[in-house]
Amino acid sequence: MDESTNIPITDEDKWEVLTRPEKLGEILLKHGKITLGQLEDLVKEQESSGMPFGELVVAKGIMSRQDLFTALDWQHKSDQVIIDSLTELINKQKKEP
């Protein structure tokens, strides 16, 4: 149950949260590469400019292109964990009678 609103969380909602890939900005924030304020400003600018988030971070001088590649690798690894977990779950369900 969502304690802030007392609305039950459905299995579908749980699935959505568990399988949603992390966005690059979330990963940068989690790794301490940007602040919450920077993330908010970058998202607003991205929405108005249409520029990819990673390119915007580099253009603003917040990160080097090499640091961006490292962050994209983190993002890929995070996505791979989700894919591997889902594959394992599907394979387990196939084996069950």
PDB file of N, CA and C in Angstrom:
ATOM      1  N   MET A   1       0.840  -1.180   0.000  1.00  0.00           N
ATOM      2  CA  MET A   1       0.000   0.000   0.000  1.00  0.00           C
ATOM      3  C   MET A   1       0.881   1.236   0.000  1.00  0.00           C
ATOM      4  N   ASP A   2       0.529   2.229  -0.757  1.00  0.00           N
ATOM      5  CA  ASP A   2       1.245   3.497  -0.784  1.00  0.00           C
ATOM      6  C   ASP A   2       0.868   4.254   0.481  1.00  0.00           C
ATOM      7  N   GLU A   3       1.808   4.352   1.434  1.00  0.00           N
ATOM      8  CA  GLU A   3       1.497   4.925   2.742  1.00  0.00           C
ATOM      9  C   GLU A   3       1.136   6.408   2.679  1.00  0.00           C
ATOM     10  N   SER A   4       1.630   7.127   1.671  1.00  0.00           N
ATOM     11  CA  SER A   4       1.332   8.554   1.595  1.00  0.00           C
ATOM     12  C   SER A   4      -0.111   8.820   1.183  1.00  0.00           C
ATOM     13  N   THR A   5      -0.722   7.884   0.452  1.00  0.00           N
ATOM     14  CA  THR A   5      -2.093   8.103   0.004  1.00  0.00           C
ATOM     15  C   THR A   5      -3.050   6.999   0.440  1.00  0.00           C
ATOM     16  N   ASN A   6      -2.526   5.939   1.045  1.00  0.00           N
ATOM     17  CA  ASN A   6      -3.321   4.786   1.475  1.00  0.00           C
ATOM     18  C   ASN A   6      -4.054   4.108   0.325  1.00  0.00           C
ATOM     19  N   ILE A   7      -3.476   4.216  -0.879  1.00  0.00           N
ATOM     20  CA  ILE A   7      -4.038   3.544  -2.049  1.00  0.00           C
ATOM     21  C   ILE A   7      -3.238   2.269  -2.265  1.00  0.00           C
ATOM     22  N   PRO A   8      -3.920   1.122  -2.378  1.00  0.00           N
ATOM     23  CA  PRO A   8      -3.196  -0.130  -2.603  1.00  0.00           C
ATOM     24  C   PRO A   8      -2.391  -0.072  -3.907  1.00  0.00           C
ATOM     25  N   ILE A   9      -1.180  -0.613  -3.866  1.00  0.00           N
ATOM     26  CA  ILE A   9      -0.347  -0.688  -5.061  1.00  0.00           C
ATOM     27  C   ILE A   9      -0.633  -2.030  -5.735  1.00  0.00           C
ATOM     28  N   THR A  10      -1.015  -1.965  -6.988  1.00  0.00           N
ATOM     29  CA  THR A  10      -1.356  -3.185  -7.715  1.00  0.00           C
ATOM     30  C   THR A  10      -0.097  -3.938  -8.127  1.00  0.00           C
ATOM     31  N   ASP A  11      -0.251  -5.196  -8.475  1.00  0.00           N
ATOM     32  CA  ASP A  11       0.875  -5.983  -8.978  1.00  0.00           C
ATOM     33  C   ASP A  11       1.442  -5.347 -10.248  1.00  0.00           C
ATOM     34  N   GLU A  12       0.559  -4.799 -11.059  1.00  0.00           N
ATOM     35  CA  GLU A  12       1.000  -4.135 -12.288  1.00  0.00           C
ATOM     36  C   GLU A  12       1.878  -2.928 -11.971  1.00  0.00           C
ATOM     37  N   ASP A  13       1.496  -2.151 -10.952  1.00  0.00           N
ATOM     38  CA  ASP A  13       2.297  -0.999 -10.538  1.00  0.00           C
ATOM     39  C   ASP A  13       3.666  -1.452 -10.023  1.00  0.00           C
ATOM     40  N   LYS A  14       3.675  -2.529  -9.237  1.00  0.00           N
ATOM     41  CA  LYS A  14       4.936  -3.064  -8.714  1.00  0.00           C
ATOM     42  C   LYS A  14       5.835  -3.498  -9.865  1.00  0.00           C
ATOM     43  N   TRP A  15       5.243  -4.211 -10.828  1.00  0.00           N
ATOM     44  CA  TRP A  15       5.989  -4.683 -11.986  1.00  0.00           C
ATOM     45  C   TRP A  15       6.596  -3.507 -12.743  1.00  0.00           C
ATOM     46  N   GLU A  16       5.822  -2.456 -12.912  1.00  0.00           N
ATOM     47  CA  GLU A  16       6.289  -1.254 -13.605  1.00  0.00           C
ATOM     48  C   GLU A  16       7.507  -0.659 -12.908  1.00  0.00           C
ATOM     49  N   VAL A  17       7.457  -0.554 -11.598  1.00  0.00           N
ATOM     50  CA  VAL A  17       8.565   0.009 -10.830  1.00  0.00           C
ATOM     51  C   VAL A  17       9.801  -0.886 -10.924  1.00  0.00           C
ATOM     52  N   LEU A  18       9.608  -2.173 -10.794  1.00  0.00           N
ATOM     53  CA  LEU A  18      10.729  -3.108 -10.778  1.00  0.00           C
ATOM     54  C   LEU A  18      11.416  -3.256 -12.133  1.00  0.00           C
ATOM     55  N   THR A  19      10.690  -3.049 -13.212  1.00  0.00           N
ATOM     56  CA  THR A  19      11.261  -3.285 -14.537  1.00  0.00           C
ATOM     57  C   THR A  19      11.563  -2.006 -15.313  1.00  0.00           C
ATOM     58  N   ARG A  20      11.302  -0.859 -14.721  1.00  0.00           N
ATOM     59  CA  ARG A  20      11.552   0.405 -15.434  1.00  0.00           C
ATOM     60  C   ARG A  20      13.052   0.703 -15.473  1.00  0.00           C
ATOM     61  N   PRO A  21      13.607   0.855 -16.668  1.00  0.00           N
ATOM     62  CA  PRO A  21      15.025   1.208 -16.754  1.00  0.00           C
ATOM     63  C   PRO A  21      15.284   2.578 -16.123  1.00  0.00           C
ATOM     64  N   GLU A  22      16.436   2.712 -15.479  1.00  0.00           N
ATOM     65  CA  GLU A  22      16.781   3.992 -14.882  1.00  0.00           C
ATOM     66  C   GLU A  22      17.172   4.975 -15.981  1.00  0.00           C
ATOM     67  N   LYS A  23      16.737   6.193 -15.800  1.00  0.00           N
ATOM     68  CA  LYS A  23      17.107   7.246 -16.728  1.00  0.00           C
ATOM     69  C   LYS A  23      18.520   7.715 -16.394  1.00  0.00           C
ATOM     70  N   LEU A  24      19.194   8.268 -17.389  1.00  0.00           N
ATOM     71  CA  LEU A  24      20.572   8.705 -17.213  1.00  0.00           C
ATOM     72  C   LEU A  24      20.685   9.721 -16.076  1.00  0.00           C
ATOM     73  N   GLY A  25      19.772  10.649 -16.005  1.00  0.00           N
ATOM     74  CA  GLY A  25      19.808  11.656 -14.939  1.00  0.00           C
ATOM     75  C   GLY A  25      19.699  11.029 -13.556  1.00  0.00           C
ATOM     76  N   GLU A  26      18.861  10.004 -13.422  1.00  0.00           N
ATOM     77  CA  GLU A  26      18.723   9.296 -12.143  1.00  0.00           C
ATOM     78  C   GLU A  26      20.036   8.628 -11.753  1.00  0.00           C
ATOM     79  N   ILE A  27      20.698   8.039 -12.744  1.00  0.00           N
ATOM     80  CA  ILE A  27      21.964   7.364 -12.487  1.00  0.00           C
ATOM     81  C   ILE A  27      23.032   8.373 -12.078  1.00  0.00           C
ATOM     82  N   LEU A  28      23.094   9.500 -12.766  1.00  0.00           N
ATOM     83  CA  LEU A  28      24.077  10.527 -12.417  1.00  0.00           C
ATOM     84  C   LEU A  28      23.830  11.059 -11.017  1.00  0.00           C
ATOM     85  N   LEU A  29      22.582  11.241 -10.658  1.00  0.00           N
ATOM     86  CA  LEU A  29      22.225  11.707  -9.324  1.00  0.00           C
ATOM     87  C   LEU A  29      22.622  10.670  -8.269  1.00  0.00           C
ATOM     88  N   LYS A  30      22.301   9.413  -8.524  1.00  0.00           N
ATOM     89  CA  LYS A  30      22.598   8.336  -7.590  1.00  0.00           C
ATOM     90  C   LYS A  30      24.103   8.196  -7.353  1.00  0.00           C
ATOM     91  N   HIS A  31      24.897   8.434  -8.396  1.00  0.00           N
ATOM     92  CA  HIS A  31      26.353   8.305  -8.290  1.00  0.00           C
ATOM     93  C   HIS A  31      27.030   9.604  -7.845  1.00  0.00           C
ATOM     94  N   GLY A  32      26.230  10.612  -7.522  1.00  0.00           N
ATOM     95  CA  GLY A  32      26.783  11.862  -7.014  1.00  0.00           C
ATOM     96  C   GLY A  32      27.466  12.724  -8.059  1.00  0.00           C
ATOM     97  N   LYS A  33      27.138  12.521  -9.329  1.00  0.00           N
ATOM     98  CA  LYS A  33      27.764  13.279 -10.414  1.00  0.00           C
ATOM     99  C   LYS A  33      27.047  14.601 -10.684  1.00  0.00           C
ATOM    100  N   ILE A  34      25.774  14.674 -10.296  1.00  0.00           N
ATOM    101  CA  ILE A  34      24.998  15.912 -10.398  1.00  0.00           C
ATOM    102  C   ILE A  34      24.152  16.040  -9.135  1.00  0.00           C
ATOM    103  N   THR A  35      23.718  17.268  -8.885  1.00  0.00           N
ATOM    104  CA  THR A  35      22.832  17.521  -7.753  1.00  0.00           C
ATOM    105  C   THR A  35      21.384  17.457  -8.212  1.00  0.00           C
ATOM    106  N   LEU A  36      20.475  17.411  -7.257  1.00  0.00           N
ATOM    107  CA  LEU A  36      19.052  17.403  -7.594  1.00  0.00           C
ATOM    108  C   LEU A  36      18.684  18.687  -8.337  1.00  0.00           C
ATOM    109  N   GLY A  37      19.227  19.807  -7.909  1.00  0.00           N
ATOM    110  CA  GLY A  37      18.963  21.084  -8.585  1.00  0.00           C
ATOM    111  C   GLY A  37      19.439  21.068 -10.027  1.00  0.00           C
ATOM    112  N   GLN A  38      20.631  20.515 -10.247  1.00  0.00           N
ATOM    113  CA  GLN A  38      21.149  20.401 -11.611  1.00  0.00           C
ATOM    114  C   GLN A  38      20.253  19.494 -12.454  1.00  0.00           C
ATOM    115  N   LEU A  39      19.827  18.389 -11.861  1.00  0.00           N
ATOM    116  CA  LEU A  39      18.953  17.464 -12.589  1.00  0.00           C
ATOM    117  C   LEU A  39      17.668  18.172 -13.013  1.00  0.00           C
ATOM    118  N   GLU A  40      17.066  18.892 -12.092  1.00  0.00           N
ATOM    119  CA  GLU A  40      15.826  19.599 -12.419  1.00  0.00           C
ATOM    120  C   GLU A  40      16.048  20.609 -13.540  1.00  0.00           C
ATOM    121  N   ASP A  41      17.145  21.380 -13.455  1.00  0.00           N
ATOM    122  CA  ASP A  41      17.443  22.374 -14.487  1.00  0.00           C
ATOM    123  C   ASP A  41      17.720  21.717 -15.836  1.00  0.00           C
ATOM    124  N   LEU A  42      18.478  20.611 -15.807  1.00  0.00           N
ATOM    125  CA  LEU A  42      18.808  19.906 -17.046  1.00  0.00           C
ATOM    126  C   LEU A  42      17.562  19.320 -17.708  1.00  0.00           C
ATOM    127  N   VAL A  43      16.660  18.778 -16.915  1.00  0.00           N
ATOM    128  CA  VAL A  43      15.429  18.199 -17.469  1.00  0.00           C
ATOM    129  C   VAL A  43      14.598  19.300 -18.119  1.00  0.00           C
ATOM    130  N   LYS A  44      14.494  20.449 -17.460  1.00  0.00           N
ATOM    131  CA  LYS A  44      13.734  21.569 -18.048  1.00  0.00           C
ATOM    132  C   LYS A  44      14.366  22.013 -19.366  1.00  0.00           C
ATOM    133  N   GLU A  45      15.689  22.136 -19.367  1.00  0.00           N
ATOM    134  CA  GLU A  45      16.365  22.569 -20.587  1.00  0.00           C
ATOM    135  C   GLU A  45      16.249  21.519 -21.682  1.00  0.00           C
ATOM    136  N   GLN A  46      16.322  20.263 -21.308  1.00  0.00           N
ATOM    137  CA  GLN A  46      16.181  19.179 -22.289  1.00  0.00           C
ATOM    138  C   GLN A  46      14.798  19.231 -22.936  1.00  0.00           C
ATOM    139  N   GLU A  47      13.777  19.442 -22.119  1.00  0.00           N
ATOM    140  CA  GLU A  47      12.413  19.503 -22.641  1.00  0.00           C
ATOM    141  C   GLU A  47      12.245  20.659 -23.619  1.00  0.00           C
ATOM    142  N   SER A  48      12.874  21.791 -23.330  1.00  0.00           N
ATOM    143  CA  SER A  48      12.707  22.951 -24.213  1.00  0.00           C
ATOM    144  C   SER A  48      13.606  22.879 -25.443  1.00  0.00           C
ATOM    145  N   SER A  49      14.789  22.273 -25.315  1.00  0.00           N
ATOM    146  CA  SER A  49      15.731  22.237 -26.435  1.00  0.00           C
ATOM    147  C   SER A  49      15.609  20.981 -27.290  1.00  0.00           C
ATOM    148  N   GLY A  50      15.129  19.885 -26.690  1.00  0.00           N
ATOM    149  CA  GLY A  50      15.069  18.615 -27.398  1.00  0.00           C
ATOM    150  C   GLY A  50      16.415  17.916 -27.501  1.00  0.00           C
ATOM    151  N   MET A  51      17.423  18.473 -26.858  1.00  0.00           N
ATOM    152  CA  MET A  51      18.772  17.914 -26.896  1.00  0.00           C
ATOM    153  C   MET A  51      18.842  16.668 -26.013  1.00  0.00           C
ATOM    154  N   PRO A  52      19.548  15.613 -26.450  1.00  0.00           N
ATOM    155  CA  PRO A  52      19.694  14.435 -25.590  1.00  0.00           C
ATOM    156  C   PRO A  52      20.339  14.815 -24.251  1.00  0.00           C
ATOM    157  N   PHE A  53      19.876  14.173 -23.183  1.00  0.00           N
ATOM    158  CA  PHE A  53      20.319  14.526 -21.831  1.00  0.00           C
ATOM    159  C   PHE A  53      21.837  14.459 -21.703  1.00  0.00           C
ATOM    160  N   GLY A  54      22.439  13.379 -22.167  1.00  0.00           N
ATOM    161  CA  GLY A  54      23.886  13.223 -22.047  1.00  0.00           C
ATOM    162  C   GLY A  54      24.649  14.307 -22.778  1.00  0.00           C
ATOM    163  N   GLU A  55      24.195  14.647 -23.966  1.00  0.00           N
ATOM    164  CA  GLU A  55      24.858  15.708 -24.734  1.00  0.00           C
ATOM    165  C   GLU A  55      24.736  17.053 -24.019  1.00  0.00           C
ATOM    166  N   LEU A  56      23.610  17.281 -23.390  1.00  0.00           N
ATOM    167  CA  LEU A  56      23.392  18.518 -22.653  1.00  0.00           C
ATOM    168  C   LEU A  56      24.349  18.615 -21.463  1.00  0.00           C
ATOM    169  N   VAL A  57      24.544  17.516 -20.760  1.00  0.00           N
ATOM    170  CA  VAL A  57      25.457  17.491 -19.613  1.00  0.00           C
ATOM    171  C   VAL A  57      26.887  17.817 -20.063  1.00  0.00           C
ATOM    172  N   VAL A  58      27.293  17.259 -21.189  1.00  0.00           N
ATOM    173  CA  VAL A  58      28.637  17.526 -21.718  1.00  0.00           C
ATOM    174  C   VAL A  58      28.736  18.975 -22.193  1.00  0.00           C
ATOM    175  N   ALA A  59      27.719  19.450 -22.921  1.00  0.00           N
ATOM    176  CA  ALA A  59      27.728  20.821 -23.443  1.00  0.00           C
ATOM    177  C   ALA A  59      27.796  21.855 -22.320  1.00  0.00           C
ATOM    178  N   LYS A  60      27.179  21.543 -21.181  1.00  0.00           N
ATOM    179  CA  LYS A  60      27.179  22.457 -20.033  1.00  0.00           C
ATOM    180  C   LYS A  60      28.499  22.393 -19.256  1.00  0.00           C
ATOM    181  N   GLY A  61      29.367  21.434 -19.607  1.00  0.00           N
ATOM    182  CA  GLY A  61      30.642  21.301 -18.914  1.00  0.00           C
ATOM    183  C   GLY A  61      30.531  20.611 -17.564  1.00  0.00           C
ATOM    184  N   ILE A  62      29.404  19.958 -17.311  1.00  0.00           N
ATOM    185  CA  ILE A  62      29.202  19.267 -16.034  1.00  0.00           C
ATOM    186  C   ILE A  62      30.027  17.984 -15.994  1.00  0.00           C
ATOM    187  N   MET A  63      30.147  17.343 -17.163  1.00  0.00           N
ATOM    188  CA  MET A  63      30.907  16.099 -17.271  1.00  0.00           C
ATOM    189  C   MET A  63      31.678  16.118 -18.586  1.00  0.00           C
ATOM    190  N   SER A  64      32.772  15.358 -18.609  1.00  0.00           N
ATOM    191  CA  SER A  64      33.494  15.164 -19.862  1.00  0.00           C
ATOM    192  C   SER A  64      32.770  14.085 -20.664  1.00  0.00           C
ATOM    193  N   ARG A  65      33.111  13.983 -21.921  1.00  0.00           N
ATOM    194  CA  ARG A  65      32.522  12.947 -22.759  1.00  0.00           C
ATOM    195  C   ARG A  65      32.903  11.559 -22.211  1.00  0.00           C
ATOM    196  N   GLN A  66      34.130  11.410 -21.708  1.00  0.00           N
ATOM    197  CA  GLN A  66      34.553  10.126 -21.138  1.00  0.00           C
ATOM    198  C   GLN A  66      33.713   9.785 -19.909  1.00  0.00           C
ATOM    199  N   ASP A  67      33.443  10.783 -19.044  1.00  0.00           N
ATOM    200  CA  ASP A  67      32.590  10.550 -17.879  1.00  0.00           C
ATOM    201  C   ASP A  67      31.179  10.152 -18.312  1.00  0.00           C
ATOM    202  N   LEU A  68      30.707  10.743 -19.409  1.00  0.00           N
ATOM    203  CA  LEU A  68      29.389  10.389 -19.937  1.00  0.00           C
ATOM    204  C   LEU A  68      29.380   8.932 -20.390  1.00  0.00           C
ATOM    205  N   PHE A  69      30.443   8.506 -21.070  1.00  0.00           N
ATOM    206  CA  PHE A  69      30.516   7.108 -21.509  1.00  0.00           C
ATOM    207  C   PHE A  69      30.501   6.162 -20.311  1.00  0.00           C
ATOM    208  N   THR A  70      31.176   6.540 -19.243  1.00  0.00           N
ATOM    209  CA  THR A  70      31.168   5.733 -18.023  1.00  0.00           C
ATOM    210  C   THR A  70      29.753   5.648 -17.464  1.00  0.00           C
ATOM    211  N   ALA A  71      29.051   6.768 -17.434  1.00  0.00           N
ATOM    212  CA  ALA A  71      27.678   6.789 -16.914  1.00  0.00           C
ATOM    213  C   ALA A  71      26.748   5.964 -17.801  1.00  0.00           C
ATOM    214  N   LEU A  72      26.955   6.026 -19.102  1.00  0.00           N
ATOM    215  CA  LEU A  72      26.133   5.214 -20.007  1.00  0.00           C
ATOM    216  C   LEU A  72      26.403   3.728 -19.802  1.00  0.00           C
ATOM    217  N   ASP A  73      27.638   3.392 -19.447  1.00  0.00           N
ATOM    218  CA  ASP A  73      27.967   2.006 -19.126  1.00  0.00           C
ATOM    219  C   ASP A  73      27.235   1.577 -17.853  1.00  0.00           C
ATOM    220  N   TRP A  74      27.191   2.453 -16.854  1.00  0.00           N
ATOM    221  CA  TRP A  74      26.424   2.159 -15.628  1.00  0.00           C
ATOM    222  C   TRP A  74      24.968   1.901 -15.982  1.00  0.00           C
ATOM    223  N   GLN A  75      24.429   2.748 -16.868  1.00  0.00           N
ATOM    224  CA  GLN A  75      23.032   2.611 -17.265  1.00  0.00           C
ATOM    225  C   GLN A  75      22.810   1.276 -17.970  1.00  0.00           C
ATOM    226  N   HIS A  76      23.712   0.922 -18.858  1.00  0.00           N
ATOM    227  CA  HIS A  76      23.596  -0.353 -19.571  1.00  0.00           C
ATOM    228  C   HIS A  76      23.641  -1.528 -18.591  1.00  0.00           C
ATOM    229  N   LYS A  77      24.541  -1.479 -17.622  1.00  0.00           N
ATOM    230  CA  LYS A  77      24.654  -2.565 -16.637  1.00  0.00           C
ATOM    231  C   LYS A  77      23.380  -2.662 -15.798  1.00  0.00           C
ATOM    232  N   SER A  78      22.797  -1.531 -15.450  1.00  0.00           N
ATOM    233  CA  SER A  78      21.553  -1.516 -14.692  1.00  0.00           C
ATOM    234  C   SER A  78      20.430  -2.158 -15.507  1.00  0.00           C
ATOM    235  N   ASP A  79      20.354  -1.806 -16.782  1.00  0.00           N
ATOM    236  CA  ASP A  79      19.349  -2.391 -17.666  1.00  0.00           C
ATOM    237  C   ASP A  79      19.577  -3.891 -17.815  1.00  0.00           C
ATOM    238  N   GLN A  80      20.839  -4.309 -17.883  1.00  0.00           N
ATOM    239  CA  GLN A  80      21.162  -5.724 -18.063  1.00  0.00           C
ATOM    240  C   GLN A  80      20.733  -6.544 -16.856  1.00  0.00           C
ATOM    241  N   VAL A  81      20.825  -5.973 -15.664  1.00  0.00           N
ATOM    242  CA  VAL A  81      20.371  -6.671 -14.457  1.00  0.00           C
ATOM    243  C   VAL A  81      18.875  -6.950 -14.553  1.00  0.00           C
ATOM    244  N   ILE A  82      18.121  -5.979 -15.021  1.00  0.00           N
ATOM    245  CA  ILE A  82      16.674  -6.163 -15.188  1.00  0.00           C
ATOM    246  C   ILE A  82      16.400  -7.256 -16.213  1.00  0.00           C
ATOM    247  N   ILE A  83      17.087  -7.199 -17.335  1.00  0.00           N
ATOM    248  CA  ILE A  83      16.883  -8.200 -18.392  1.00  0.00           C
ATOM    249  C   ILE A  83      17.233  -9.595 -17.879  1.00  0.00           C
ATOM    250  N   ASP A  84      18.363  -9.715 -17.197  1.00  0.00           N
ATOM    251  CA  ASP A  84      18.781 -11.023 -16.676  1.00  0.00           C
ATOM    252  C   ASP A  84      17.788 -11.558 -15.650  1.00  0.00           C
ATOM    253  N   SER A  85      17.298 -10.690 -14.783  1.00  0.00           N
ATOM    254  CA  SER A  85      16.334 -11.112 -13.763  1.00  0.00           C
ATOM    255  C   SER A  85      15.023 -11.570 -14.391  1.00  0.00           C
ATOM    256  N   LEU A  86      14.558 -10.841 -15.382  1.00  0.00           N
ATOM    257  CA  LEU A  86      13.321 -11.218 -16.058  1.00  0.00           C
ATOM    258  C   LEU A  86      13.490 -12.525 -16.828  1.00  0.00           C
ATOM    259  N   THR A  87      14.628 -12.700 -17.459  1.00  0.00           N
ATOM    260  CA  THR A  87      14.910 -13.947 -18.167  1.00  0.00           C
ATOM    261  C   THR A  87      14.911 -15.123 -17.208  1.00  0.00           C
ATOM    262  N   GLU A  88      15.537 -14.934 -16.057  1.00  0.00           N
ATOM    263  CA  GLU A  88      15.573 -15.994 -15.044  1.00  0.00           C
ATOM    264  C   GLU A  88      14.160 -16.326 -14.562  1.00  0.00           C
ATOM    265  N   LEU A  89      13.348 -15.305 -14.329  1.00  0.00           N
ATOM    266  CA  LEU A  89      11.976 -15.505 -13.879  1.00  0.00           C
ATOM    267  C   LEU A  89      11.156 -16.262 -14.930  1.00  0.00           C
ATOM    268  N   ILE A  90      11.298 -15.876 -16.175  1.00  0.00           N
ATOM    269  CA  ILE A  90      10.553 -16.538 -17.268  1.00  0.00           C
ATOM    270  C   ILE A  90      10.984 -17.992 -17.381  1.00  0.00           C
ATOM    271  N   ASN A  91      12.279 -18.237 -17.326  1.00  0.00           N
ATOM    272  CA  ASN A  91      12.775 -19.610 -17.425  1.00  0.00           C
ATOM    273  C   ASN A  91      12.298 -20.466 -16.248  1.00  0.00           C
ATOM    274  N   LYS A  92      12.252 -19.881 -15.074  1.00  0.00           N
ATOM    275  CA  LYS A  92      11.766 -20.600 -13.887  1.00  0.00           C
ATOM    276  C   LYS A  92      10.298 -20.965 -14.059  1.00  0.00           C
ATOM    277  N   GLN A  93       9.496 -20.026 -14.568  1.00  0.00           N
ATOM    278  CA  GLN A  93       8.073 -20.287 -14.752  1.00  0.00           C
ATOM    279  C   GLN A  93       7.831 -21.343 -15.826  1.00  0.00           C
ATOM    280  N   LYS A  94       8.676 -21.387 -16.834  1.00  0.00           N
ATOM    281  CA  LYS A  94       8.535 -22.403 -17.885  1.00  0.00           C
ATOM    282  C   LYS A  94       8.778 -23.799 -17.338  1.00  0.00           C
ATOM    283  N   LYS A  95       9.669 -23.907 -16.352  1.00  0.00           N
ATOM    284  CA  LYS A  95      10.013 -25.220 -15.776  1.00  0.00           C
ATOM    285  C   LYS A  95       8.971 -25.722 -14.782  1.00  0.00           C
ATOM    286  N   GLU A  96       8.185 -24.794 -14.202  1.00  0.00           N
ATOM    287  CA  GLU A  96       7.169 -25.186 -13.235  1.00  0.00           C
ATOM    288  C   GLU A  96       5.983 -25.810 -13.949  1.00  0.00           C
ATOM    289  N   PRO A  97       5.407 -26.875 -13.352  1.00  0.00           N
ATOM    290  CA  PRO A  97       4.243 -27.534 -13.992  1.00  0.00           C
ATOM    291  C   PRO A  97       2.996 -26.672 -13.959  1.00  0.00           C
TER     292      PRO A  97
END
